[in-house]
């Protein structure tokens, strides 16, 4: 008999398992369909000793002292400020767009925010309503920059026209009026110094936590006894796809090793054009490893495979609302995480959501 069955050993599941076992002395069964813990943040050392993020680059960043201090109990950190270039018109340009991007792309000589703001105003197109990804970007910086940096990348990333993507997705991507070339501006920007997997292993290293990997919840649920279920998998799968499948985008990855110390100038290069992949990642920029070899990862978005990104539009949100209404009628079951709540959440947001969920449990 377990007090809690937790489905999914990513951030949401592991944080809640740790809190419930450490602070409430609850007996936990933590399961995952994959053969490892860590969810999409899982990393590993390859045969040559290179540290690789198996499911694409994961950069921890947050403004929450609570989240940072909590995770700091389970890892030391490597300070790292993420930088991205975008390959546009044969040039590698800083992204998000900043003063250097505009100067190098258009032959300008801007040096102040005032000049950049005036430039964007001259390019932007008025939109009566900001309903879509396209509305948001074109209304902010104009059609030319939208086409060069955003349109094709978004089509590859999401598999649909940006006119059918929520404006909230575009709002996640800043446009700078200064020279700041960092991808994030959060107070805390770092990665676990020994990798994410070691951090996860420390999170769930507790005698009250039992872990079973390679296990499907639907095959297990009738074979064990438990008090409360915490479900971090796709919410539509829990309800047996009663109202149909929610739309998610998945990713395929291709890895290539080089007998060189470095290949790219930055960790990530975006390809918002006719290349079949959306971006390439060189992990050594992120991990700080000193190694004579390097690995480049090519990222190919697709419709089939593990769910990564909820595709939020009017149609999918209408379906999600039906599932959300069922949640209120489901006893002793909590839904947490990106897939469990059908939200596009960053790692720190999932941790914050999980800590808040524990707070609510603890008050009962």
Protein backbone atom coordinates (compact mmCIF):
# COMPACT_ATOMS: atom_id res chain seq x y z
CA UNK A 1 0.00 0.00 0.00
CA UNK A 2 1.44 3.33 -1.10
CA UNK A 3 0.29 6.72 0.12
CA UNK A 4 0.94 8.20 -3.34
CA UNK A 5 1.36 6.80 -6.81
CA UNK A 6 3.22 9.38 -8.90
CA UNK A 7 3.14 8.90 -12.66
CA UNK A 8 6.10 10.53 -14.40
CA UNK A 9 9.66 10.93 -13.09
CA UNK A 10 10.37 14.36 -14.53
CA UNK A 11 10.55 17.60 -12.57
CA UNK A 12 6.94 17.53 -11.38
CA UNK A 13 6.95 13.92 -10.26
CA UNK A 14 10.38 13.97 -8.62
CA UNK A 15 9.83 17.24 -6.76
CA UNK A 16 6.52 16.04 -5.34
CA UNK A 17 7.98 12.65 -4.45
CA UNK A 18 10.82 14.35 -2.57
CA UNK A 19 8.56 16.79 -0.68
CA UNK A 20 5.97 14.19 0.28
CA UNK A 21 8.55 11.66 1.48
CA UNK A 22 10.87 14.13 3.24
CA UNK A 23 8.36 16.43 4.89
CA UNK A 24 5.28 14.23 5.25
CA UNK A 25 6.90 10.80 5.61
CA UNK A 26 4.66 9.41 2.89
CA UNK A 27 5.35 6.15 1.08
CA UNK A 28 5.71 6.86 -2.65
CA UNK A 29 5.71 4.73 -5.77
CA UNK A 30 7.24 6.76 -8.60
CA UNK A 31 6.87 5.30 -12.09
CA UNK A 32 7.77 6.27 -15.64
CA UNK A 33 7.30 4.67 -19.04
CA UNK A 34 10.89 5.54 -19.93
CA UNK A 35 13.91 3.63 -18.69
CA UNK A 36 15.34 6.63 -16.83
CA UNK A 37 14.39 9.44 -14.47
CA UNK A 38 14.57 13.11 -15.36
CA UNK A 39 11.96 13.33 -18.10
CA UNK A 40 13.07 15.47 -21.01
CA UNK A 41 15.86 16.99 -18.88
CA UNK A 42 17.67 13.63 -18.77
CA UNK A 43 21.37 13.78 -19.68
CA UNK A 44 24.06 11.12 -19.98
CA UNK A 45 27.74 10.61 -20.79
CA UNK A 46 28.37 8.97 -24.16
CA UNK A 47 31.09 6.41 -24.86
CA UNK A 48 33.69 9.17 -25.26
CA UNK A 49 32.71 10.87 -22.01
CA UNK A 50 30.80 13.78 -23.57
CA UNK A 51 27.78 14.96 -21.57
CA UNK A 52 24.72 15.03 -23.82
CA UNK A 53 21.17 16.28 -23.24
CA UNK A 54 19.23 13.41 -24.79
CA UNK A 55 16.07 15.42 -25.52
CA UNK A 56 17.56 18.73 -26.57
CA UNK A 57 19.22 21.60 -24.68
CA UNK A 58 17.87 22.33 -21.22
CA UNK A 59 18.99 25.63 -19.70
CA UNK A 60 17.80 26.33 -16.19
CA UNK A 61 16.76 29.94 -15.66
CA UNK A 62 14.45 31.53 -13.11
CA UNK A 63 13.70 34.68 -11.17
CA UNK A 64 12.32 32.62 -8.30
CA UNK A 65 14.62 32.43 -5.29
CA UNK A 66 12.34 29.77 -3.87
CA UNK A 67 12.83 27.46 -6.86
CA UNK A 68 16.56 28.12 -7.12
CA UNK A 69 17.20 27.59 -3.40
CA UNK A 70 15.11 24.42 -3.35
CA UNK A 71 17.02 22.78 -6.21
CA UNK A 72 20.32 23.99 -4.77
CA UNK A 73 19.87 21.44 -1.99
CA UNK A 74 20.38 18.72 -4.60
CA UNK A 75 23.05 20.12 -6.90
CA UNK A 76 25.88 22.56 -7.27
CA UNK A 77 25.54 24.90 -10.21
CA UNK A 78 27.59 25.98 -13.20
CA UNK A 79 26.94 29.63 -14.02
CA UNK A 80 25.92 29.80 -17.67
CA UNK A 81 24.29 32.54 -19.75
CA UNK A 82 22.73 31.04 -22.86
CA UNK A 83 23.40 32.67 -26.24
CA UNK A 84 21.77 31.86 -29.56
CA UNK A 85 22.54 32.84 -33.14
CA UNK A 86 20.08 32.75 -36.01
CA UNK A 87 21.27 31.99 -39.55
CA UNK A 88 19.57 34.64 -41.69
CA UNK A 89 20.54 35.91 -45.14
CA UNK A 90 23.86 34.06 -44.94
CA UNK A 91 24.77 35.65 -41.60
CA UNK A 92 24.89 34.38 -38.03
CA UNK A 93 22.95 37.03 -36.11
CA UNK A 94 22.19 37.41 -32.38
CA UNK A 95 18.77 36.12 -31.33
CA UNK A 96 16.59 37.38 -29.71
CA UNK A 97 16.84 40.38 -32.02
CA UNK A 98 18.94 43.18 -30.53
CA UNK A 99 20.83 46.26 -31.77
CA UNK A 100 23.66 44.18 -33.25
CA UNK A 101 21.13 42.04 -35.12
CA UNK A 102 19.56 45.05 -36.83
CA UNK A 103 22.88 46.78 -37.51
CA UNK A 104 24.39 43.71 -39.16
CA UNK A 105 21.25 42.78 -41.08
CA UNK A 106 20.33 46.20 -42.46
CA UNK A 107 23.65 48.06 -42.40
CA UNK A 108 22.51 50.43 -39.67
CA UNK A 109 24.60 52.08 -36.99
CA UNK A 110 22.16 52.21 -34.10
CA UNK A 111 23.51 52.55 -30.57
CA UNK A 112 20.51 53.56 -28.44
CA UNK A 113 17.17 52.08 -27.46
CA UNK A 114 15.40 55.17 -28.79
CA UNK A 115 16.65 54.44 -32.31
CA UNK A 116 15.59 50.82 -32.10
CA UNK A 117 12.11 51.67 -30.86
CA UNK A 118 11.66 54.13 -33.72
CA UNK A 119 12.90 51.51 -36.20
CA UNK A 120 10.43 48.91 -34.94
CA UNK A 121 7.58 51.44 -35.03
CA UNK A 122 8.40 52.23 -38.65
CA UNK A 123 8.26 48.53 -39.53
CA UNK A 124 5.34 47.35 -37.40
CA UNK A 125 1.89 46.84 -38.87
CA UNK A 126 -1.26 47.73 -36.99
CA UNK A 127 -3.45 44.79 -36.04
CA UNK A 128 -7.00 45.37 -34.78
CA UNK A 129 -6.72 42.34 -32.52
CA UNK A 130 -3.70 40.38 -31.37
CA UNK A 131 -5.03 36.84 -31.66
CA UNK A 132 -2.22 34.84 -33.22
CA UNK A 133 1.55 34.39 -33.26
CA UNK A 134 1.67 36.31 -36.55
CA UNK A 135 -0.43 39.17 -35.16
CA UNK A 136 1.86 39.56 -32.20
CA UNK A 137 5.17 39.59 -34.09
CA UNK A 138 4.09 41.62 -37.14
CA UNK A 139 2.30 44.09 -34.89
CA UNK A 140 5.49 44.53 -32.87
CA UNK A 141 8.39 44.48 -35.38
CA UNK A 142 6.92 44.22 -38.88
CA UNK A 143 6.61 41.75 -41.72
CA UNK A 144 10.23 41.56 -42.92
CA UNK A 145 11.71 40.58 -39.56
CA UNK A 146 8.80 38.23 -38.99
CA UNK A 147 9.53 36.41 -42.24
CA UNK A 148 13.30 36.30 -41.71
CA UNK A 149 13.36 35.13 -38.09
CA UNK A 150 9.99 33.73 -37.12
CA UNK A 151 7.64 32.54 -39.84
CA UNK A 152 9.42 29.49 -41.28
CA UNK A 153 10.94 28.54 -37.94
CA UNK A 154 7.47 28.51 -36.37
CA UNK A 155 6.00 26.49 -39.24
CA UNK A 156 8.73 23.88 -38.77
CA UNK A 157 8.45 23.98 -34.99
CA UNK A 158 4.67 23.76 -34.71
CA UNK A 159 3.64 22.19 -38.02
CA UNK A 160 0.90 24.77 -38.60
CA UNK A 161 0.61 28.29 -39.97
CA UNK A 162 1.58 30.90 -37.34
CA UNK A 163 -1.83 32.46 -37.89
CA UNK A 164 -3.18 29.41 -36.05
CA UNK A 165 -0.73 29.59 -33.13
CA UNK A 166 -1.61 31.40 -29.93
CA UNK A 167 -0.09 34.86 -29.47
CA UNK A 168 1.08 33.72 -26.03
CA UNK A 169 3.74 31.54 -27.70
CA UNK A 170 5.26 34.57 -29.45
CA UNK A 171 5.11 36.57 -26.23
CA UNK A 172 7.71 34.17 -24.76
CA UNK A 173 10.30 35.47 -27.25
CA UNK A 174 11.67 38.93 -26.38
CA UNK A 175 12.84 41.64 -28.76
CA UNK A 176 15.63 43.79 -27.37
CA UNK A 177 16.34 47.48 -27.83
CA UNK A 178 19.87 47.19 -26.41
CA UNK A 179 23.02 45.12 -27.03
CA UNK A 180 22.12 42.31 -24.63
CA UNK A 181 22.78 39.05 -26.53
CA UNK A 182 21.72 36.67 -23.77
CA UNK A 183 18.73 34.50 -24.56
CA UNK A 184 17.42 34.85 -21.01
CA UNK A 185 17.62 37.74 -18.55
CA UNK A 186 16.53 35.89 -15.39
CA UNK A 187 18.27 36.44 -12.06
CA UNK A 188 19.47 32.82 -11.91
CA UNK A 189 20.94 31.26 -15.07
CA UNK A 190 22.86 28.03 -14.65
CA UNK A 191 22.89 24.27 -15.13
CA UNK A 192 23.59 21.47 -12.61
CA UNK A 193 27.38 21.20 -12.48
CA UNK A 194 27.32 17.38 -12.66
CA UNK A 195 24.31 17.12 -14.95
CA UNK A 196 20.55 16.96 -14.53
CA UNK A 197 20.40 13.20 -14.04
CA UNK A 198 22.58 13.32 -10.92
CA UNK A 199 20.37 16.08 -9.54
CA UNK A 200 17.26 13.98 -10.13
CA UNK A 201 18.86 10.94 -8.50
CA UNK A 202 19.56 13.02 -5.39
CA UNK A 203 16.00 14.37 -5.39
CA UNK A 204 14.50 10.90 -5.14
CA UNK A 205 17.17 9.27 -2.94
CA UNK A 206 14.87 8.55 -0.02
CA UNK A 207 13.91 5.25 1.66
CA UNK A 208 10.22 6.10 1.35
CA UNK A 209 10.44 6.42 -2.47
CA UNK A 210 10.23 3.31 -4.61
CA UNK A 211 10.98 3.71 -8.31
CA UNK A 212 9.75 1.56 -11.18
CA UNK A 213 10.87 2.44 -14.71
CA UNK A 214 9.61 1.17 -18.04
CA UNK A 215 6.13 0.88 -16.50
CA UNK A 216 2.83 2.06 -18.01
CA UNK A 217 0.33 3.47 -15.51
CA UNK A 218 -2.69 1.92 -17.21
CA UNK A 219 -1.09 -1.53 -16.96
CA UNK A 220 -0.10 -1.05 -13.32
CA UNK A 221 -3.02 0.77 -11.71
CA UNK A 222 -5.13 -2.30 -10.92
CA UNK A 223 -2.19 -4.30 -9.57
CA UNK A 224 -1.31 -2.05 -6.63
CA UNK A 225 -3.03 -0.15 -3.84
CA UNK A 226 -2.48 3.54 -3.28
CA UNK A 227 -4.19 6.47 -1.62
CA UNK A 228 -3.73 9.39 -4.02
CA UNK A 229 -2.60 9.58 -7.62
CA UNK A 230 -0.39 12.38 -8.95
CA UNK A 231 -0.46 12.28 -12.74
CA UNK A 232 2.13 14.22 -14.75
CA UNK A 233 1.57 12.50 -18.10
CA UNK A 234 -0.70 13.71 -20.92
CA UNK A 235 -4.08 14.53 -19.43
CA UNK A 236 -5.96 13.18 -22.44
CA UNK A 237 -4.29 9.78 -22.03
CA UNK A 238 -5.47 9.56 -18.42
CA UNK A 239 -9.09 9.90 -19.54
CA UNK A 240 -8.65 7.39 -22.35
CA UNK A 241 -8.92 10.09 -25.04
CA UNK A 242 -12.64 10.39 -24.30
CA UNK A 243 -12.89 13.69 -26.18
CA UNK A 244 -10.14 12.93 -28.66
CA UNK A 245 -6.40 13.45 -28.57
CA UNK A 246 -4.95 16.81 -27.65
CA UNK A 247 -2.40 18.08 -30.14
CA UNK A 248 1.28 17.97 -29.20
CA UNK A 249 4.46 18.49 -31.17
CA UNK A 250 7.29 16.03 -30.81
CA UNK A 251 10.97 16.05 -31.75
CA UNK A 252 13.45 13.79 -33.48
CA UNK A 253 17.18 14.24 -32.93
CA UNK A 254 20.27 13.41 -34.91
CA UNK A 255 23.68 13.42 -33.22
CA UNK A 256 27.03 13.81 -34.98
CA UNK A 257 30.44 13.66 -33.30
CA UNK A 258 33.41 15.70 -34.53
CA UNK A 259 37.13 15.38 -33.82
CA UNK A 260 37.28 19.09 -33.04
CA UNK A 261 37.13 21.03 -29.82
CA UNK A 262 34.26 23.24 -31.04
CA UNK A 263 32.11 23.58 -34.16
CA UNK A 264 29.80 26.53 -33.37
CA UNK A 265 30.33 29.98 -31.88
CA UNK A 266 27.40 29.50 -29.50
CA UNK A 267 25.54 26.60 -27.96
CA UNK A 268 22.53 26.93 -30.28
CA UNK A 269 22.07 28.14 -33.83
CA UNK A 270 18.53 28.61 -35.19
CA UNK A 271 17.73 27.93 -38.84
CA UNK A 272 14.53 29.86 -39.67
CA UNK A 273 14.67 28.98 -43.37
CA UNK A 274 14.60 25.98 -45.71
CA UNK A 275 16.88 23.72 -43.67
CA UNK A 276 14.98 20.59 -42.58
CA UNK A 277 15.98 21.12 -38.93
CA UNK A 278 15.08 24.04 -36.68
CA UNK A 279 18.32 24.33 -34.73
CA UNK A 280 21.65 22.75 -33.90
CA UNK A 281 23.09 22.44 -30.41
CA UNK A 282 26.69 21.99 -29.29
CA UNK A 283 26.46 20.85 -25.68
CA UNK A 284 30.02 21.69 -24.60
CA UNK A 285 29.15 25.39 -24.59
CA UNK A 286 26.49 24.54 -22.01
CA UNK A 287 28.28 21.94 -19.91
CA UNK A 288 31.71 23.61 -19.94
CA UNK A 289 33.45 20.30 -20.57
CA UNK A 290 37.06 20.30 -21.71
CA UNK A 291 37.29 17.57 -24.34
CA UNK A 292 39.09 17.15 -27.69
CA UNK A 293 35.83 16.02 -29.33
CA UNK A 294 32.41 17.61 -29.59
CA UNK A 295 28.85 16.61 -30.47
CA UNK A 296 26.38 18.52 -32.61
CA UNK A 297 22.68 17.76 -32.25
CA UNK A 298 20.21 18.46 -35.08
CA UNK A 299 16.58 18.99 -34.06
CA UNK A 300 13.65 17.95 -36.27
CA UNK A 301 10.11 18.76 -35.04
CA UNK A 302 7.41 16.26 -35.95
CA UNK A 303 3.83 15.25 -35.14
CA UNK A 304 4.45 11.72 -33.88
CA UNK A 305 6.47 10.51 -30.91
CA UNK A 306 6.75 11.59 -27.29
CA UNK A 307 4.69 14.71 -26.54
CA UNK A 308 6.89 17.77 -25.97
CA UNK A 309 4.95 20.95 -26.69
CA UNK A 310 1.19 21.44 -26.27
CA UNK A 311 -0.15 23.06 -29.45
CA UNK A 312 -2.54 25.62 -28.02
CA UNK A 313 -5.14 27.08 -30.35
CA UNK A 314 -8.90 27.62 -30.13
CA UNK A 315 -9.65 24.05 -31.21
CA UNK A 316 -7.27 22.26 -28.84
CA UNK A 317 -8.13 24.54 -25.91
CA UNK A 318 -11.82 23.74 -26.39
CA UNK A 319 -10.99 20.03 -26.12
CA UNK A 320 -8.74 20.62 -23.12
CA UNK A 321 -11.55 22.45 -21.34
CA UNK A 322 -13.63 19.27 -21.51
CA UNK A 323 -10.82 17.31 -19.89
CA UNK A 324 -10.29 20.03 -17.31
CA UNK A 325 -13.98 19.83 -16.38
CA UNK A 326 -13.50 16.10 -15.77
CA UNK A 327 -10.56 16.84 -13.43
CA UNK A 328 -12.92 18.52 -10.99
CA UNK A 329 -14.97 15.33 -10.79
CA UNK A 330 -11.96 13.03 -10.37
CA UNK A 331 -11.34 12.11 -6.73
CA UNK A 332 -7.92 11.66 -5.12
CA UNK A 333 -6.13 12.57 -8.33
CA UNK A 334 -3.91 15.58 -9.00
CA UNK A 335 -2.67 16.70 -12.42
CA UNK A 336 0.67 18.50 -12.51
CA UNK A 337 3.31 19.50 -15.06
CA UNK A 338 3.42 20.56 -18.69
CA UNK A 339 1.49 17.54 -19.97
CA UNK A 340 -0.76 17.12 -16.96
CA UNK A 341 -2.02 20.70 -17.21
CA UNK A 342 -1.54 21.14 -20.98
CA UNK A 343 0.62 24.25 -20.58
CA UNK A 344 3.86 25.34 -22.21
CA UNK A 345 5.87 25.57 -18.97
CA UNK A 346 9.58 26.10 -18.42
CA UNK A 347 11.47 23.88 -15.97
CA UNK A 348 11.36 26.43 -13.17
CA UNK A 349 7.64 26.94 -13.68
CA UNK A 350 7.06 23.21 -13.30
CA UNK A 351 9.09 23.20 -10.08
CA UNK A 352 7.13 26.18 -8.77
CA UNK A 353 3.84 24.54 -9.70
CA UNK A 354 4.92 21.34 -7.96
CA UNK A 355 6.02 23.13 -4.78
CA UNK A 356 2.71 25.00 -4.73
CA UNK A 357 0.84 21.74 -5.20
CA UNK A 358 2.68 20.30 -2.20
CA UNK A 359 1.81 23.38 -0.16
CA UNK A 360 -1.87 22.75 -0.87
CA UNK A 361 -1.53 19.08 0.07
CA UNK A 362 0.30 19.98 3.30
CA UNK A 363 -2.48 22.38 4.35
CA UNK A 364 -5.16 19.68 4.11
